[in-house]
Amino acid sequence: MPPNLRGLFEPPLAKFEKLHQQFRFLRQQQAIAFKLKEQWEEAQKKKEHQIKMILDMEAKVKAEEQRWEKRIQCKLEDYKKVKLQYQKLDAQEKRLIKLFEENGFAVDEEE
C-alpha cells in the first residue's frame, strides 16, 4: 500500500482495534459478572436451604415439646386421680376406725 494511502486507513484501523479491545474487555467483564451472579445465586440457594432446615428443625422441636407437654399433662391428671382416690380411702379408713372404736372393737393403727 502506498504510504499516502496508508495514512488514510491507519486511524480507522487503530480505532477499530481499540473498539475491538474494548469489546473483548467488556466480554471478559460480562463473563466475570455471570460467574459472580452464579456464585451469588448458589450462595442464596444454600442460605435458603439452611433456613428451611432450621425451620423444619424448629417445627420438629415444637412438635416434640407439645408431645411431652401432653404426656406430662396426662401424668399429672393420673397423679391427681390417684391422690384423690388415696384421700377417699384414707377418709374411709378413718371413718371405719372411728366406728370400730365407738362399737368397742380393738383397732391396731399401724402407720
C-alpha atoms as a PDB file:
ATOM      1  CA  MET A   1       0.000   0.000   0.000  1.00  0.00           C
ATOM      2  CA  PRO A   2       1.383   3.374  -0.861  1.00  0.00           C
ATOM      3  CA  PRO A   3       2.437   5.489   2.110  1.00  0.00           C
ATOM      4  CA  ASN A   4      -0.006   8.279   1.303  1.00  0.00           C
ATOM      5  CA  LEU A   5      -2.984   5.840   1.297  1.00  0.00           C
ATOM      6  CA  ARG A   6      -1.805   4.052   4.423  1.00  0.00           C
ATOM      7  CA  GLY A   7      -2.254   7.282   6.344  1.00  0.00           C
ATOM      8  CA  LEU A   8      -5.904   7.356   5.373  1.00  0.00           C
ATOM      9  CA  PHE A   9      -6.619   3.813   6.612  1.00  0.00           C
ATOM     10  CA  GLU A  10      -4.497   3.607   9.745  1.00  0.00           C
ATOM     11  CA  PRO A  11      -6.523   5.846  12.020  1.00  0.00           C
ATOM     12  CA  PRO A  12      -9.758   3.923  11.317  1.00  0.00           C
ATOM     13  CA  LEU A  13      -7.892   0.628  11.776  1.00  0.00           C
ATOM     14  CA  ALA A  14      -6.499   1.873  15.094  1.00  0.00           C
ATOM     15  CA  LYS A  15      -9.977   2.933  16.130  1.00  0.00           C
ATOM     16  CA  PHE A  16     -11.315  -0.452  15.052  1.00  0.00           C
ATOM     17  CA  GLU A  17      -8.589  -2.218  17.031  1.00  0.00           C
ATOM     18  CA  LYS A  18      -9.322  -0.044  20.064  1.00  0.00           C
ATOM     19  CA  LEU A  19     -13.043  -0.817  19.779  1.00  0.00           C
ATOM     20  CA  HIS A  20     -12.207  -4.496  19.393  1.00  0.00           C
ATOM     21  CA  GLN A  21     -10.086  -4.380  22.579  1.00  0.00           C
ATOM     22  CA  GLN A  22     -12.902  -2.628  24.442  1.00  0.00           C
ATOM     23  CA  PHE A  23     -15.338  -5.259  23.191  1.00  0.00           C
ATOM     24  CA  ARG A  24     -13.053  -8.091  24.407  1.00  0.00           C
ATOM     25  CA  PHE A  25     -12.651  -6.332  27.750  1.00  0.00           C
ATOM     26  CA  LEU A  26     -16.428  -5.951  28.079  1.00  0.00           C
ATOM     27  CA  ARG A  27     -16.891  -9.625  27.174  1.00  0.00           C
ATOM     28  CA  GLN A  28     -14.416 -10.594  29.905  1.00  0.00           C
ATOM     29  CA  GLN A  29     -16.211  -8.343  32.375  1.00  0.00           C
ATOM     30  CA  GLN A  30     -19.527  -9.872  31.350  1.00  0.00           C
ATOM     31  CA  ALA A  31     -18.154 -13.396  31.852  1.00  0.00           C
ATOM     32  CA  ILE A  32     -16.857 -12.418  35.286  1.00  0.00           C
ATOM     33  CA  ALA A  33     -20.216 -10.840  36.126  1.00  0.00           C
ATOM     34  CA  PHE A  34     -22.067 -14.011  35.093  1.00  0.00           C
ATOM     35  CA  LYS A  35     -19.753 -16.155  37.219  1.00  0.00           C
ATOM     36  CA  LEU A  36     -20.254 -13.865  40.197  1.00  0.00           C
ATOM     37  CA  LYS A  37     -24.005 -13.936  39.647  1.00  0.00           C
ATOM     38  CA  GLU A  38     -23.979 -17.748  39.552  1.00  0.00           C
ATOM     39  CA  GLN A  39     -21.894 -17.887  42.729  1.00  0.00           C
ATOM     40  CA  TRP A  40     -24.221 -15.429  44.441  1.00  0.00           C
ATOM     41  CA  GLU A  41     -27.301 -17.422  43.369  1.00  0.00           C
ATOM     42  CA  GLU A  42     -25.694 -20.632  44.628  1.00  0.00           C
ATOM     43  CA  ALA A  43     -24.924 -18.954  47.958  1.00  0.00           C
ATOM     44  CA  GLN A  44     -28.539 -17.754  48.151  1.00  0.00           C
ATOM     45  CA  LYS A  45     -29.794 -21.289  47.491  1.00  0.00           C
ATOM     46  CA  LYS A  46     -27.534 -22.625  50.246  1.00  0.00           C
ATOM     47  CA  LYS A  47     -28.790 -19.972  52.658  1.00  0.00           C
ATOM     48  CA  GLU A  48     -32.407 -20.720  51.758  1.00  0.00           C
ATOM     49  CA  HIS A  49     -31.758 -24.432  52.257  1.00  0.00           C
ATOM     50  CA  GLN A  50     -30.163 -23.772  55.655  1.00  0.00           C
ATOM     51  CA  ILE A  51     -33.101 -21.580  56.661  1.00  0.00           C
ATOM     52  CA  LYS A  52     -35.533 -24.284  55.540  1.00  0.00           C
ATOM     53  CA  MET A  53     -33.637 -26.896  57.541  1.00  0.00           C
ATOM     54  CA  ILE A  54     -33.666 -24.650  60.613  1.00  0.00           C
ATOM     55  CA  LEU A  55     -37.410 -24.062  60.247  1.00  0.00           C
ATOM     56  CA  ASP A  56     -38.002 -27.798  59.827  1.00  0.00           C
ATOM     57  CA  MET A  57     -35.929 -28.473  62.929  1.00  0.00           C
ATOM     58  CA  GLU A  58     -37.910 -25.836  64.846  1.00  0.00           C
ATOM     59  CA  ALA A  59     -41.150 -27.500  63.775  1.00  0.00           C
ATOM     60  CA  LYS A  60     -39.853 -30.898  64.925  1.00  0.00           C
ATOM     61  CA  VAL A  61     -38.745 -29.467  68.266  1.00  0.00           C
ATOM     62  CA  LYS A  62     -42.094 -27.731  68.733  1.00  0.00           C
ATOM     63  CA  ALA A  63     -43.966 -30.954  67.932  1.00  0.00           C
ATOM     64  CA  GLU A  64     -41.772 -32.848  70.403  1.00  0.00           C
ATOM     65  CA  GLU A  65     -42.408 -30.198  73.072  1.00  0.00           C
ATOM     66  CA  GLN A  66     -46.157 -30.455  72.519  1.00  0.00           C
ATOM     67  CA  ARG A  67     -45.968 -34.243  72.722  1.00  0.00           C
ATOM     68  CA  TRP A  68     -44.073 -34.038  76.017  1.00  0.00           C
ATOM     69  CA  GLU A  69     -46.447 -31.392  77.380  1.00  0.00           C
ATOM     70  CA  LYS A  70     -49.414 -33.610  76.532  1.00  0.00           C
ATOM     71  CA  ARG A  71     -47.693 -36.611  78.124  1.00  0.00           C
ATOM     72  CA  ILE A  72     -46.865 -34.645  81.275  1.00  0.00           C
ATOM     73  CA  GLN A  73     -50.425 -33.325  81.433  1.00  0.00           C
ATOM     74  CA  CYS A  74     -51.755 -36.904  81.275  1.00  0.00           C
ATOM     75  CA  LYS A  75     -49.352 -37.984  84.032  1.00  0.00           C
ATOM     76  CA  LEU A  76     -50.455 -35.043  86.196  1.00  0.00           C
ATOM     77  CA  GLU A  77     -54.108 -35.948  85.686  1.00  0.00           C
ATOM     78  CA  ASP A  78     -53.350 -39.573  86.593  1.00  0.00           C
ATOM     79  CA  TYR A  79     -51.494 -38.394  89.699  1.00  0.00           C
ATOM     80  CA  LYS A  80     -54.428 -36.198  90.734  1.00  0.00           C
ATOM     81  CA  LYS A  81     -56.831 -39.132  90.299  1.00  0.00           C
ATOM     82  CA  VAL A  82     -54.630 -41.432  92.395  1.00  0.00           C
ATOM     83  CA  LYS A  83     -54.220 -38.729  95.038  1.00  0.00           C
ATOM     84  CA  LEU A  84     -57.994 -38.226  95.185  1.00  0.00           C
ATOM     85  CA  GLN A  85     -58.535 -41.998  95.491  1.00  0.00           C
ATOM     86  CA  TYR A  86     -55.954 -42.142  98.278  1.00  0.00           C
ATOM     87  CA  GLN A  87     -57.663 -39.290 100.115  1.00  0.00           C
ATOM     88  CA  LYS A  88     -61.026 -41.062  99.787  1.00  0.00           C
ATOM     89  CA  LEU A  89     -59.543 -44.334 101.063  1.00  0.00           C
ATOM     90  CA  ASP A  90     -57.843 -42.505 103.939  1.00  0.00           C
ATOM     91  CA  ALA A  91     -61.128 -40.829 104.871  1.00  0.00           C
ATOM     92  CA  GLN A  92     -62.955 -44.186 104.697  1.00  0.00           C
ATOM     93  CA  GLU A  93     -60.275 -45.810 106.854  1.00  0.00           C
ATOM     94  CA  LYS A  94     -60.561 -43.076 109.495  1.00  0.00           C
ATOM     95  CA  ARG A  95     -64.354 -43.344 109.456  1.00  0.00           C
ATOM     96  CA  LEU A  96     -64.175 -47.150 109.861  1.00  0.00           C
ATOM     97  CA  ILE A  97     -61.644 -46.841 112.705  1.00  0.00           C
ATOM     98  CA  LYS A  98     -63.943 -44.365 114.425  1.00  0.00           C
ATOM     99  CA  LEU A  99     -66.945 -46.699 114.005  1.00  0.00           C
ATOM    100  CA  PHE A 100     -64.974 -49.681 115.344  1.00  0.00           C
ATOM    101  CA  GLU A 101     -63.839 -47.673 118.371  1.00  0.00           C
ATOM    102  CA  GLU A 102     -67.411 -46.498 119.031  1.00  0.00           C
ATOM    103  CA  ASN A 103     -68.644 -50.105 118.937  1.00  0.00           C
ATOM    104  CA  GLY A 104     -65.879 -51.291 121.260  1.00  0.00           C
ATOM    105  CA  PHE A 105     -63.673 -53.198 118.881  1.00  0.00           C
ATOM    106  CA  ALA A 106     -59.904 -53.023 119.286  1.00  0.00           C
ATOM    107  CA  VAL A 107     -58.133 -51.286 116.419  1.00  0.00           C
ATOM    108  CA  ASP A 108     -54.422 -51.594 115.662  1.00  0.00           C
ATOM    109  CA  GLU A 109     -53.251 -48.429 113.957  1.00  0.00           C
ATOM    110  CA  GLU A 110     -50.093 -49.097 112.029  1.00  0.00           C
ATOM    111  CA  GLU A 111     -48.883 -46.018 110.277  1.00  0.00           C
END
